[in-house]
Amino acid sequence: MTWLELLAVFGAGIAAGGINTIVGSGTLITFPALLAFGLPPVTANVSNTIGLVPGSISGVIGYRRELAGQRSRLLQLGTASLLGGITGAVLLLVLPAEAFKAIVPALIIVALILVVVQPRLAAWVKRRRENGTADVPEHGGPFLFAAVYATGVYGGYFGAAQGVLLIGLLGIFVHDDIQRLNGVKNVLALIVNAVSAVIFIVVAEVDWQAVAMIAVGSIIGGQLGAHAGRRMPPNVLRAVIVLVGSIAVVRLLTS
């Protein structure tokens, strides 16, 4: 890539790091950017996953206060994310590249729909929390474990809007403050991305220039998202994500 293209990827990394910390869907910024600069889809996805890990760490650090007292919850649900991430990463590597190109447009469309309906989902979660359900298990029970595992499989394979799925599931099945749940969401997404990244580094083709630019940018974005990103107008954020994601779908379908 040229230095201008690398600079653009760096900027996409900042945006993705901030978006992932706030809600998720940062992949819908960086993945299309890598496609636009000529990376093959699987290489772009692998490089993107590795590059976003430092940003995920940055976001978790930014939410460290909200994670206090949640060790048991993180161990239980983190195990589900770990197993799911391994499964998804292995699927990405064993399935042919043609399968990835066929599946990912559909996954992106689903992710974009989730981004659009997220306000209604959040409102429903809020109503459910206000109504209260006394017999809900403290950490969501076996159904939440299975759902987090399935989300981890999706995250290990592609992962756009993984954060939207996680925060929706946590809000439905765990009664706690939404900011504390957002901190848990960041940890679970980090686990999926990190275990996938380790597998990809060992056996997959990686564009390390892209990884470096996304990594540095996402670290900055993770801190911005944790400290100031909540002030961003949500409708503007969703509009940007939908626009970029739609470009990615068109790019994949016409390549």
C-alpha atoms as a PDB file:
ATOM      1  CA  MET A   1       0.000   0.000   0.000  1.00  0.00           C
ATOM      2  CA  THR A   2       1.072   3.601  -0.577  1.00  0.00           C
ATOM      3  CA  TRP A   3       1.657   5.931   2.364  1.00  0.00           C
ATOM      4  CA  LEU A   4      -1.686   7.644   1.649  1.00  0.00           C
ATOM      5  CA  GLU A   5      -3.471   4.286   1.765  1.00  0.00           C
ATOM      6  CA  LEU A   6      -1.673   3.414   4.989  1.00  0.00           C
ATOM      7  CA  LEU A   7      -2.741   6.755   6.457  1.00  0.00           C
ATOM      8  CA  ALA A   8      -6.341   6.004   5.483  1.00  0.00           C
ATOM      9  CA  VAL A   9      -6.130   2.597   7.169  1.00  0.00           C
ATOM     10  CA  PHE A  10      -4.697   4.303  10.270  1.00  0.00           C
ATOM     11  CA  GLY A  11      -7.702   6.655  10.332  1.00  0.00           C
ATOM     12  CA  ALA A  12     -10.072   3.727   9.878  1.00  0.00           C
ATOM     13  CA  GLY A  13      -8.347   2.044  12.830  1.00  0.00           C
ATOM     14  CA  ILE A  14      -9.018   5.067  15.048  1.00  0.00           C
ATOM     15  CA  ALA A  15     -12.682   5.063  14.060  1.00  0.00           C
ATOM     16  CA  ALA A  16     -13.001   1.310  14.526  1.00  0.00           C
ATOM     17  CA  GLY A  17     -11.315   1.346  17.942  1.00  0.00           C
ATOM     18  CA  GLY A  18     -13.696   4.027  19.184  1.00  0.00           C
ATOM     19  CA  ILE A  19     -16.790   2.391  17.712  1.00  0.00           C
ATOM     20  CA  ASN A  20     -15.893  -1.030  19.118  1.00  0.00           C
ATOM     21  CA  THR A  21     -15.488   0.404  22.613  1.00  0.00           C
ATOM     22  CA  ILE A  22     -18.840   2.179  22.468  1.00  0.00           C
ATOM     23  CA  VAL A  23     -21.020  -0.468  20.844  1.00  0.00           C
ATOM     24  CA  GLY A  24     -19.173  -2.682  18.334  1.00  0.00           C
ATOM     25  CA  SER A  25     -19.218  -2.808  14.507  1.00  0.00           C
ATOM     26  CA  GLY A  26     -15.770  -1.269  14.031  1.00  0.00           C
ATOM     27  CA  THR A  27     -14.953  -4.033  11.554  1.00  0.00           C
ATOM     28  CA  LEU A  28     -17.456  -2.414   9.195  1.00  0.00           C
ATOM     29  CA  ILE A  29     -15.021   0.509   8.972  1.00  0.00           C
ATOM     30  CA  THR A  30     -11.646  -1.232   8.672  1.00  0.00           C
ATOM     31  CA  PHE A  31     -12.609  -4.306   6.639  1.00  0.00           C
ATOM     32  CA  PRO A  32     -14.030  -2.306   3.681  1.00  0.00           C
ATOM     33  CA  ALA A  33     -10.964  -0.035   3.771  1.00  0.00           C
ATOM     34  CA  LEU A  34      -8.646  -3.028   3.386  1.00  0.00           C
ATOM     35  CA  LEU A  35     -10.783  -4.411   0.562  1.00  0.00           C
ATOM     36  CA  ALA A  36     -10.709  -1.042  -1.191  1.00  0.00           C
ATOM     37  CA  PHE A  37      -6.898  -1.080  -1.180  1.00  0.00           C
ATOM     38  CA  GLY A  38      -6.737  -4.474  -2.856  1.00  0.00           C
ATOM     39  CA  LEU A  39      -6.326  -7.029  -0.067  1.00  0.00           C
ATOM     40  CA  PRO A  40      -8.019 -10.394  -0.707  1.00  0.00           C
ATOM     41  CA  PRO A  41     -11.101 -10.843   1.543  1.00  0.00           C
ATOM     42  CA  VAL A  42      -9.674 -13.560   3.802  1.00  0.00           C
ATOM     43  CA  THR A  43      -6.326 -11.754   4.202  1.00  0.00           C
ATOM     44  CA  ALA A  44      -8.201  -8.520   4.914  1.00  0.00           C
ATOM     45  CA  ASN A  45     -10.326 -10.226   7.566  1.00  0.00           C
ATOM     46  CA  VAL A  46      -7.330 -11.915   9.210  1.00  0.00           C
ATOM     47  CA  SER A  47      -5.228  -8.718   9.225  1.00  0.00           C
ATOM     48  CA  ASN A  48      -8.166  -6.700  10.514  1.00  0.00           C
ATOM     49  CA  THR A  49      -8.788  -9.098  13.411  1.00  0.00           C
ATOM     50  CA  ILE A  50      -5.135  -9.030  14.490  1.00  0.00           C
ATOM     51  CA  GLY A  51      -4.907  -5.249  14.139  1.00  0.00           C
ATOM     52  CA  LEU A  52      -7.980  -4.572  16.275  1.00  0.00           C
ATOM     53  CA  VAL A  53      -6.745  -6.586  19.290  1.00  0.00           C
ATOM     54  CA  PRO A  54      -4.645  -3.706  20.746  1.00  0.00           C
ATOM     55  CA  GLY A  55      -7.663  -1.419  20.373  1.00  0.00           C
ATOM     56  CA  SER A  56      -9.818  -3.931  22.235  1.00  0.00           C
ATOM     57  CA  ILE A  57      -7.250  -3.993  25.039  1.00  0.00           C
ATOM     58  CA  SER A  58      -7.305  -0.187  25.095  1.00  0.00           C
ATOM     59  CA  GLY A  59     -11.096  -0.195  25.389  1.00  0.00           C
ATOM     60  CA  VAL A  60     -11.048  -2.724  28.230  1.00  0.00           C
ATOM     61  CA  ILE A  61      -8.533  -0.585  30.125  1.00  0.00           C
ATOM     62  CA  GLY A  62     -10.778   2.423  29.586  1.00  0.00           C
ATOM     63  CA  TYR A  63     -13.675   0.512  31.184  1.00  0.00           C
ATOM     64  CA  ARG A  64     -11.664  -0.997  34.048  1.00  0.00           C
ATOM     65  CA  ARG A  65     -13.718   0.759  36.743  1.00  0.00           C
ATOM     66  CA  GLU A  66     -16.933  -0.806  35.440  1.00  0.00           C
ATOM     67  CA  LEU A  67     -15.348  -4.286  35.570  1.00  0.00           C
ATOM     68  CA  ALA A  68     -14.804  -4.204  39.334  1.00  0.00           C
ATOM     69  CA  GLY A  69     -16.556  -7.077  41.117  1.00  0.00           C
ATOM     70  CA  GLN A  70     -17.365  -9.023  37.927  1.00  0.00           C
ATOM     71  CA  ARG A  71     -14.602 -11.638  38.032  1.00  0.00           C
ATOM     72  CA  SER A  72     -16.950 -14.639  38.313  1.00  0.00           C
ATOM     73  CA  ARG A  73     -19.126 -13.391  35.451  1.00  0.00           C
ATOM     74  CA  LEU A  74     -16.100 -12.757  33.248  1.00  0.00           C
ATOM     75  CA  LEU A  75     -14.664 -16.219  33.917  1.00  0.00           C
ATOM     76  CA  GLN A  76     -17.935 -17.950  33.067  1.00  0.00           C
ATOM     77  CA  LEU A  77     -18.859 -15.998  29.954  1.00  0.00           C
ATOM     78  CA  GLY A  78     -15.227 -15.568  28.917  1.00  0.00           C
ATOM     79  CA  THR A  79     -14.942 -19.347  28.634  1.00  0.00           C
ATOM     80  CA  ALA A  80     -17.845 -19.345  26.179  1.00  0.00           C
ATOM     81  CA  SER A  81     -16.224 -16.570  24.153  1.00  0.00           C
ATOM     82  CA  LEU A  82     -12.870 -18.377  24.128  1.00  0.00           C
ATOM     83  CA  LEU A  83     -14.380 -21.613  22.816  1.00  0.00           C
ATOM     84  CA  GLY A  84     -16.526 -19.771  20.286  1.00  0.00           C
ATOM     85  CA  GLY A  85     -13.621 -17.690  19.003  1.00  0.00           C
ATOM     86  CA  ILE A  86     -11.506 -20.802  18.438  1.00  0.00           C
ATOM     87  CA  THR A  87     -14.354 -22.480  16.556  1.00  0.00           C
ATOM     88  CA  GLY A  88     -14.976 -19.448  14.333  1.00  0.00           C
ATOM     89  CA  ALA A  89     -11.286 -18.935  13.526  1.00  0.00           C
ATOM     90  CA  VAL A  90     -10.865 -22.591  12.569  1.00  0.00           C
ATOM     91  CA  LEU A  91     -13.943 -22.401  10.326  1.00  0.00           C
ATOM     92  CA  LEU A  92     -12.481 -19.366   8.562  1.00  0.00           C
ATOM     93  CA  LEU A  93      -9.262 -21.261   7.850  1.00  0.00           C
ATOM     94  CA  VAL A  94     -10.714 -24.633   6.817  1.00  0.00           C
ATOM     95  CA  LEU A  95     -13.520 -23.355   4.613  1.00  0.00           C
ATOM     96  CA  PRO A  96     -12.456 -22.310   1.087  1.00  0.00           C
ATOM     97  CA  ALA A  97     -11.973 -18.611   0.320  1.00  0.00           C
ATOM     98  CA  GLU A  98     -14.931 -18.817  -2.054  1.00  0.00           C
ATOM     99  CA  ALA A  99     -17.147 -19.746   0.889  1.00  0.00           C
ATOM    100  CA  PHE A 100     -15.973 -16.679   2.798  1.00  0.00           C
ATOM    101  CA  LYS A 101     -16.741 -14.417  -0.169  1.00  0.00           C
ATOM    102  CA  ALA A 102     -20.201 -15.975  -0.427  1.00  0.00           C
ATOM    103  CA  ILE A 103     -21.037 -15.874   3.284  1.00  0.00           C
ATOM    104  CA  VAL A 104     -19.614 -12.520   4.353  1.00  0.00           C
ATOM    105  CA  PRO A 105     -21.973 -10.249   2.340  1.00  0.00           C
ATOM    106  CA  ALA A 106     -24.885 -11.909   4.131  1.00  0.00           C
ATOM    107  CA  LEU A 107     -23.130 -11.530   7.488  1.00  0.00           C
ATOM    108  CA  ILE A 108     -22.482  -7.841   6.825  1.00  0.00           C
ATOM    109  CA  ILE A 109     -26.128  -7.275   5.878  1.00  0.00           C
ATOM    110  CA  VAL A 110     -27.233  -8.958   9.116  1.00  0.00           C
ATOM    111  CA  ALA A 111     -24.731  -6.821  11.036  1.00  0.00           C
ATOM    112  CA  LEU A 112     -26.044  -3.641   9.405  1.00  0.00           C
ATOM    113  CA  ILE A 113     -29.614  -4.589  10.312  1.00  0.00           C
ATOM    114  CA  LEU A 114     -28.483  -5.093  13.908  1.00  0.00           C
ATOM    115  CA  VAL A 115     -26.849  -1.666  13.930  1.00  0.00           C
ATOM    116  CA  VAL A 116     -30.066  -0.076  12.631  1.00  0.00           C
ATOM    117  CA  VAL A 117     -32.380  -1.843  15.101  1.00  0.00           C
ATOM    118  CA  GLN A 118     -30.000  -1.413  18.040  1.00  0.00           C
ATOM    119  CA  PRO A 119     -31.924   1.576  19.514  1.00  0.00           C
ATOM    120  CA  ARG A 120     -35.143  -0.476  19.616  1.00  0.00           C
ATOM    121  CA  LEU A 121     -33.255  -3.421  21.059  1.00  0.00           C
ATOM    122  CA  ALA A 122     -31.741  -1.179  23.736  1.00  0.00           C
ATOM    123  CA  ALA A 123     -35.181   0.253  24.573  1.00  0.00           C
ATOM    124  CA  TRP A 124     -36.614  -3.251  24.900  1.00  0.00           C
ATOM    125  CA  VAL A 125     -33.715  -4.288  27.138  1.00  0.00           C
ATOM    126  CA  LYS A 126     -34.302  -1.198  29.300  1.00  0.00           C
ATOM    127  CA  ARG A 127     -38.028  -1.980  29.693  1.00  0.00           C
ATOM    128  CA  ARG A 128     -37.226  -5.561  30.601  1.00  0.00           C
ATOM    129  CA  ARG A 129     -34.692  -4.453  33.189  1.00  0.00           C
ATOM    130  CA  GLU A 130     -37.145  -1.989  34.724  1.00  0.00           C
ATOM    131  CA  ASN A 131     -39.843  -4.671  34.952  1.00  0.00           C
ATOM    132  CA  GLY A 132     -37.411  -7.037  36.674  1.00  0.00           C
ATOM    133  CA  THR A 133     -37.384 -10.830  36.734  1.00  0.00           C
ATOM    134  CA  ALA A 134     -36.538 -12.305  40.120  1.00  0.00           C
ATOM    135  CA  ASP A 135     -35.674 -15.830  38.960  1.00  0.00           C
ATOM    136  CA  VAL A 136     -33.088 -14.883  36.306  1.00  0.00           C
ATOM    137  CA  PRO A 137     -29.681 -16.475  37.150  1.00  0.00           C
ATOM    138  CA  GLU A 138     -26.987 -14.060  38.287  1.00  0.00           C
ATOM    139  CA  HIS A 139     -24.833 -14.603  35.213  1.00  0.00           C
ATOM    140  CA  GLY A 140     -27.575 -15.420  32.714  1.00  0.00           C
ATOM    141  CA  GLY A 141     -27.614 -19.203  33.002  1.00  0.00           C
ATOM    142  CA  PRO A 142     -26.867 -21.864  30.380  1.00  0.00           C
ATOM    143  CA  PHE A 143     -28.829 -20.163  27.595  1.00  0.00           C
ATOM    144  CA  LEU A 144     -26.663 -17.036  27.808  1.00  0.00           C
ATOM    145  CA  PHE A 145     -23.535 -19.226  27.875  1.00  0.00           C
ATOM    146  CA  ALA A 146     -24.659 -20.941  24.659  1.00  0.00           C
ATOM    147  CA  ALA A 147     -25.603 -17.629  23.041  1.00  0.00           C
ATOM    148  CA  VAL A 148     -22.233 -16.062  23.930  1.00  0.00           C
ATOM    149  CA  TYR A 149     -20.506 -19.129  22.475  1.00  0.00           C
ATOM    150  CA  ALA A 150     -22.475 -18.758  19.225  1.00  0.00           C
ATOM    151  CA  THR A 151     -21.583 -15.057  19.112  1.00  0.00           C
ATOM    152  CA  GLY A 152     -17.947 -16.035  19.606  1.00  0.00           C
ATOM    153  CA  VAL A 153     -18.154 -18.390  16.619  1.00  0.00           C
ATOM    154  CA  TYR A 154     -19.493 -15.508  14.549  1.00  0.00           C
ATOM    155  CA  GLY A 155     -16.818 -13.182  15.936  1.00  0.00           C
ATOM    156  CA  GLY A 156     -14.004 -15.609  15.198  1.00  0.00           C
ATOM    157  CA  TYR A 157     -15.231 -16.070  11.630  1.00  0.00           C
ATOM    158  CA  PHE A 158     -15.975 -12.419  10.818  1.00  0.00           C
ATOM    159  CA  GLY A 159     -17.233 -10.402  13.768  1.00  0.00           C
ATOM    160  CA  ALA A 160     -18.864  -7.198  12.513  1.00  0.00           C
ATOM    161  CA  ALA A 161     -21.496  -6.069  15.062  1.00  0.00           C
ATOM    162  CA  GLN A 162     -20.331  -8.759  17.500  1.00  0.00           C
ATOM    163  CA  GLY A 163     -20.506  -6.063  20.176  1.00  0.00           C
ATOM    164  CA  VAL A 164     -24.124  -5.247  19.316  1.00  0.00           C
ATOM    165  CA  LEU A 165     -25.045  -8.904  19.733  1.00  0.00           C
ATOM    166  CA  LEU A 166     -23.181  -9.196  23.030  1.00  0.00           C
ATOM    167  CA  ILE A 167     -24.593  -6.067  24.658  1.00  0.00           C
ATOM    168  CA  GLY A 168     -28.095  -7.092  23.581  1.00  0.00           C
ATOM    169  CA  LEU A 169     -27.693 -10.580  25.066  1.00  0.00           C
ATOM    170  CA  LEU A 170     -26.151  -9.301  28.292  1.00  0.00           C
ATOM    171  CA  GLY A 171     -28.865  -6.681  28.704  1.00  0.00           C
ATOM    172  CA  ILE A 172     -31.582  -9.299  28.261  1.00  0.00           C
ATOM    173  CA  PHE A 173     -30.202 -12.043  30.496  1.00  0.00           C
ATOM    174  CA  VAL A 174     -28.182 -10.194  33.166  1.00  0.00           C
ATOM    175  CA  HIS A 175     -29.629  -7.612  35.534  1.00  0.00           C
ATOM    176  CA  ASP A 176     -26.925  -4.990  36.011  1.00  0.00           C
ATOM    177  CA  ASP A 177     -26.014  -1.432  35.078  1.00  0.00           C
ATOM    178  CA  ILE A 178     -25.662  -1.010  31.307  1.00  0.00           C
ATOM    179  CA  GLN A 179     -22.178   0.531  31.604  1.00  0.00           C
ATOM    180  CA  ARG A 180     -20.963  -2.454  33.645  1.00  0.00           C
ATOM    181  CA  LEU A 181     -22.388  -4.753  30.981  1.00  0.00           C
ATOM    182  CA  ASN A 182     -20.660  -2.714  28.291  1.00  0.00           C
ATOM    183  CA  GLY A 183     -17.378  -3.343  30.097  1.00  0.00           C
ATOM    184  CA  VAL A 184     -18.122  -7.082  30.053  1.00  0.00           C
ATOM    185  CA  LYS A 185     -18.953  -6.847  26.350  1.00  0.00           C
ATOM    186  CA  ASN A 186     -15.551  -5.304  25.671  1.00  0.00           C
ATOM    187  CA  VAL A 187     -13.756  -8.118  27.522  1.00  0.00           C
ATOM    188  CA  LEU A 188     -15.693 -10.864  25.727  1.00  0.00           C
ATOM    189  CA  ALA A 189     -15.037  -9.301  22.320  1.00  0.00           C
ATOM    190  CA  LEU A 190     -11.347  -8.984  23.227  1.00  0.00           C
ATOM    191  CA  ILE A 191     -11.154 -12.681  24.115  1.00  0.00           C
ATOM    192  CA  VAL A 192     -12.684 -13.687  20.771  1.00  0.00           C
ATOM    193  CA  ASN A 193     -10.434 -11.365  18.780  1.00  0.00           C
ATOM    194  CA  ALA A 194      -7.303 -12.331  20.709  1.00  0.00           C
ATOM    195  CA  VAL A 195      -7.680 -16.094  20.404  1.00  0.00           C
ATOM    196  CA  SER A 196      -8.546 -15.733  16.712  1.00  0.00           C
ATOM    197  CA  ALA A 197      -5.520 -13.482  16.207  1.00  0.00           C
ATOM    198  CA  VAL A 198      -3.175 -16.041  17.782  1.00  0.00           C
ATOM    199  CA  ILE A 199      -4.466 -18.752  15.454  1.00  0.00           C
ATOM    200  CA  PHE A 200      -4.243 -16.475  12.416  1.00  0.00           C
ATOM    201  CA  ILE A 201      -0.676 -15.390  13.208  1.00  0.00           C
ATOM    202  CA  VAL A 202       0.444 -19.009  13.318  1.00  0.00           C
ATOM    203  CA  VAL A 203      -1.228 -20.369  10.183  1.00  0.00           C
ATOM    204  CA  ALA A 204      -2.731 -17.598   8.013  1.00  0.00           C
ATOM    205  CA  GLU A 205      -1.429 -15.044   5.525  1.00  0.00           C
ATOM    206  CA  VAL A 206      -1.184 -11.633   7.215  1.00  0.00           C
ATOM    207  CA  ASP A 207      -0.554  -8.146   5.818  1.00  0.00           C
ATOM    208  CA  TRP A 208       1.597  -6.740   8.614  1.00  0.00           C
ATOM    209  CA  GLN A 209       1.583  -3.167   7.274  1.00  0.00           C
ATOM    210  CA  ALA A 210      -2.204  -3.123   7.572  1.00  0.00           C
ATOM    211  CA  VAL A 211      -2.020  -4.744  11.007  1.00  0.00           C
ATOM    212  CA  ALA A 212       0.393  -2.082  12.272  1.00  0.00           C
ATOM    213  CA  MET A 213      -1.722   0.844  11.041  1.00  0.00           C
ATOM    214  CA  ILE A 214      -4.966  -0.593  12.423  1.00  0.00           C
ATOM    215  CA  ALA A 215      -3.297  -1.505  15.719  1.00  0.00           C
ATOM    216  CA  VAL A 216      -1.896   1.967  16.408  1.00  0.00           C
ATOM    217  CA  GLY A 217      -5.096   3.651  15.265  1.00  0.00           C
ATOM    218  CA  SER A 218      -7.374   1.365  17.272  1.00  0.00           C
ATOM    219  CA  ILE A 219      -5.379   1.966  20.478  1.00  0.00           C
ATOM    220  CA  ILE A 220      -6.044   5.691  20.105  1.00  0.00           C
ATOM    221  CA  GLY A 221      -9.662   5.051  19.145  1.00  0.00           C
ATOM    222  CA  GLY A 222     -10.202   2.741  22.110  1.00  0.00           C
ATOM    223  CA  GLN A 223      -9.257   5.489  24.539  1.00  0.00           C
ATOM    224  CA  LEU A 224     -11.347   8.070  22.688  1.00  0.00           C
ATOM    225  CA  GLY A 225     -14.304   5.722  22.728  1.00  0.00           C
ATOM    226  CA  ALA A 226     -13.973   5.004  26.445  1.00  0.00           C
ATOM    227  CA  HIS A 227     -13.589   8.647  27.514  1.00  0.00           C
ATOM    228  CA  ALA A 228     -15.370  10.829  24.955  1.00  0.00           C
ATOM    229  CA  GLY A 229     -17.036   8.625  22.362  1.00  0.00           C
ATOM    230  CA  ARG A 230     -20.310   8.418  24.283  1.00  0.00           C
ATOM    231  CA  ARG A 231     -20.947  12.069  23.289  1.00  0.00           C
ATOM    232  CA  MET A 232     -21.035  11.182  19.589  1.00  0.00           C
ATOM    233  CA  PRO A 233     -24.586  11.486  18.192  1.00  0.00           C
ATOM    234  CA  PRO A 234     -25.717   7.855  17.879  1.00  0.00           C
ATOM    235  CA  ASN A 235     -27.660   8.427  14.673  1.00  0.00           C
ATOM    236  CA  VAL A 236     -24.570   9.884  12.976  1.00  0.00           C
ATOM    237  CA  LEU A 237     -22.494   6.921  14.120  1.00  0.00           C
ATOM    238  CA  ARG A 238     -25.050   4.417  12.838  1.00  0.00           C
ATOM    239  CA  ALA A 239     -25.340   6.248   9.506  1.00  0.00           C
ATOM    240  CA  VAL A 240     -21.560   6.072   8.969  1.00  0.00           C
ATOM    241  CA  ILE A 241     -21.485   2.374   9.827  1.00  0.00           C
ATOM    242  CA  VAL A 242     -24.377   1.568   7.485  1.00  0.00           C
ATOM    243  CA  LEU A 243     -22.825   3.578   4.647  1.00  0.00           C
ATOM    244  CA  VAL A 244     -19.413   1.946   4.962  1.00  0.00           C
ATOM    245  CA  GLY A 245     -20.904  -1.505   5.417  1.00  0.00           C
ATOM    246  CA  SER A 246     -23.070  -1.094   2.331  1.00  0.00           C
ATOM    247  CA  ILE A 247     -19.974  -0.159   0.322  1.00  0.00           C
ATOM    248  CA  ALA A 248     -18.298  -3.335   1.592  1.00  0.00           C
ATOM    249  CA  VAL A 249     -21.236  -5.480   0.436  1.00  0.00           C
ATOM    250  CA  VAL A 250     -21.154  -3.926  -3.037  1.00  0.00           C
ATOM    251  CA  ARG A 251     -17.378  -4.312  -3.180  1.00  0.00           C
ATOM    252  CA  LEU A 252     -17.567  -8.010  -2.279  1.00  0.00           C
ATOM    253  CA  LEU A 253     -20.420  -8.780  -4.651  1.00  0.00           C
ATOM    254  CA  THR A 254     -18.770  -7.056  -7.610  1.00  0.00           C
ATOM    255  CA  SER A 255     -15.169  -8.192  -7.047  1.00  0.00           C
END
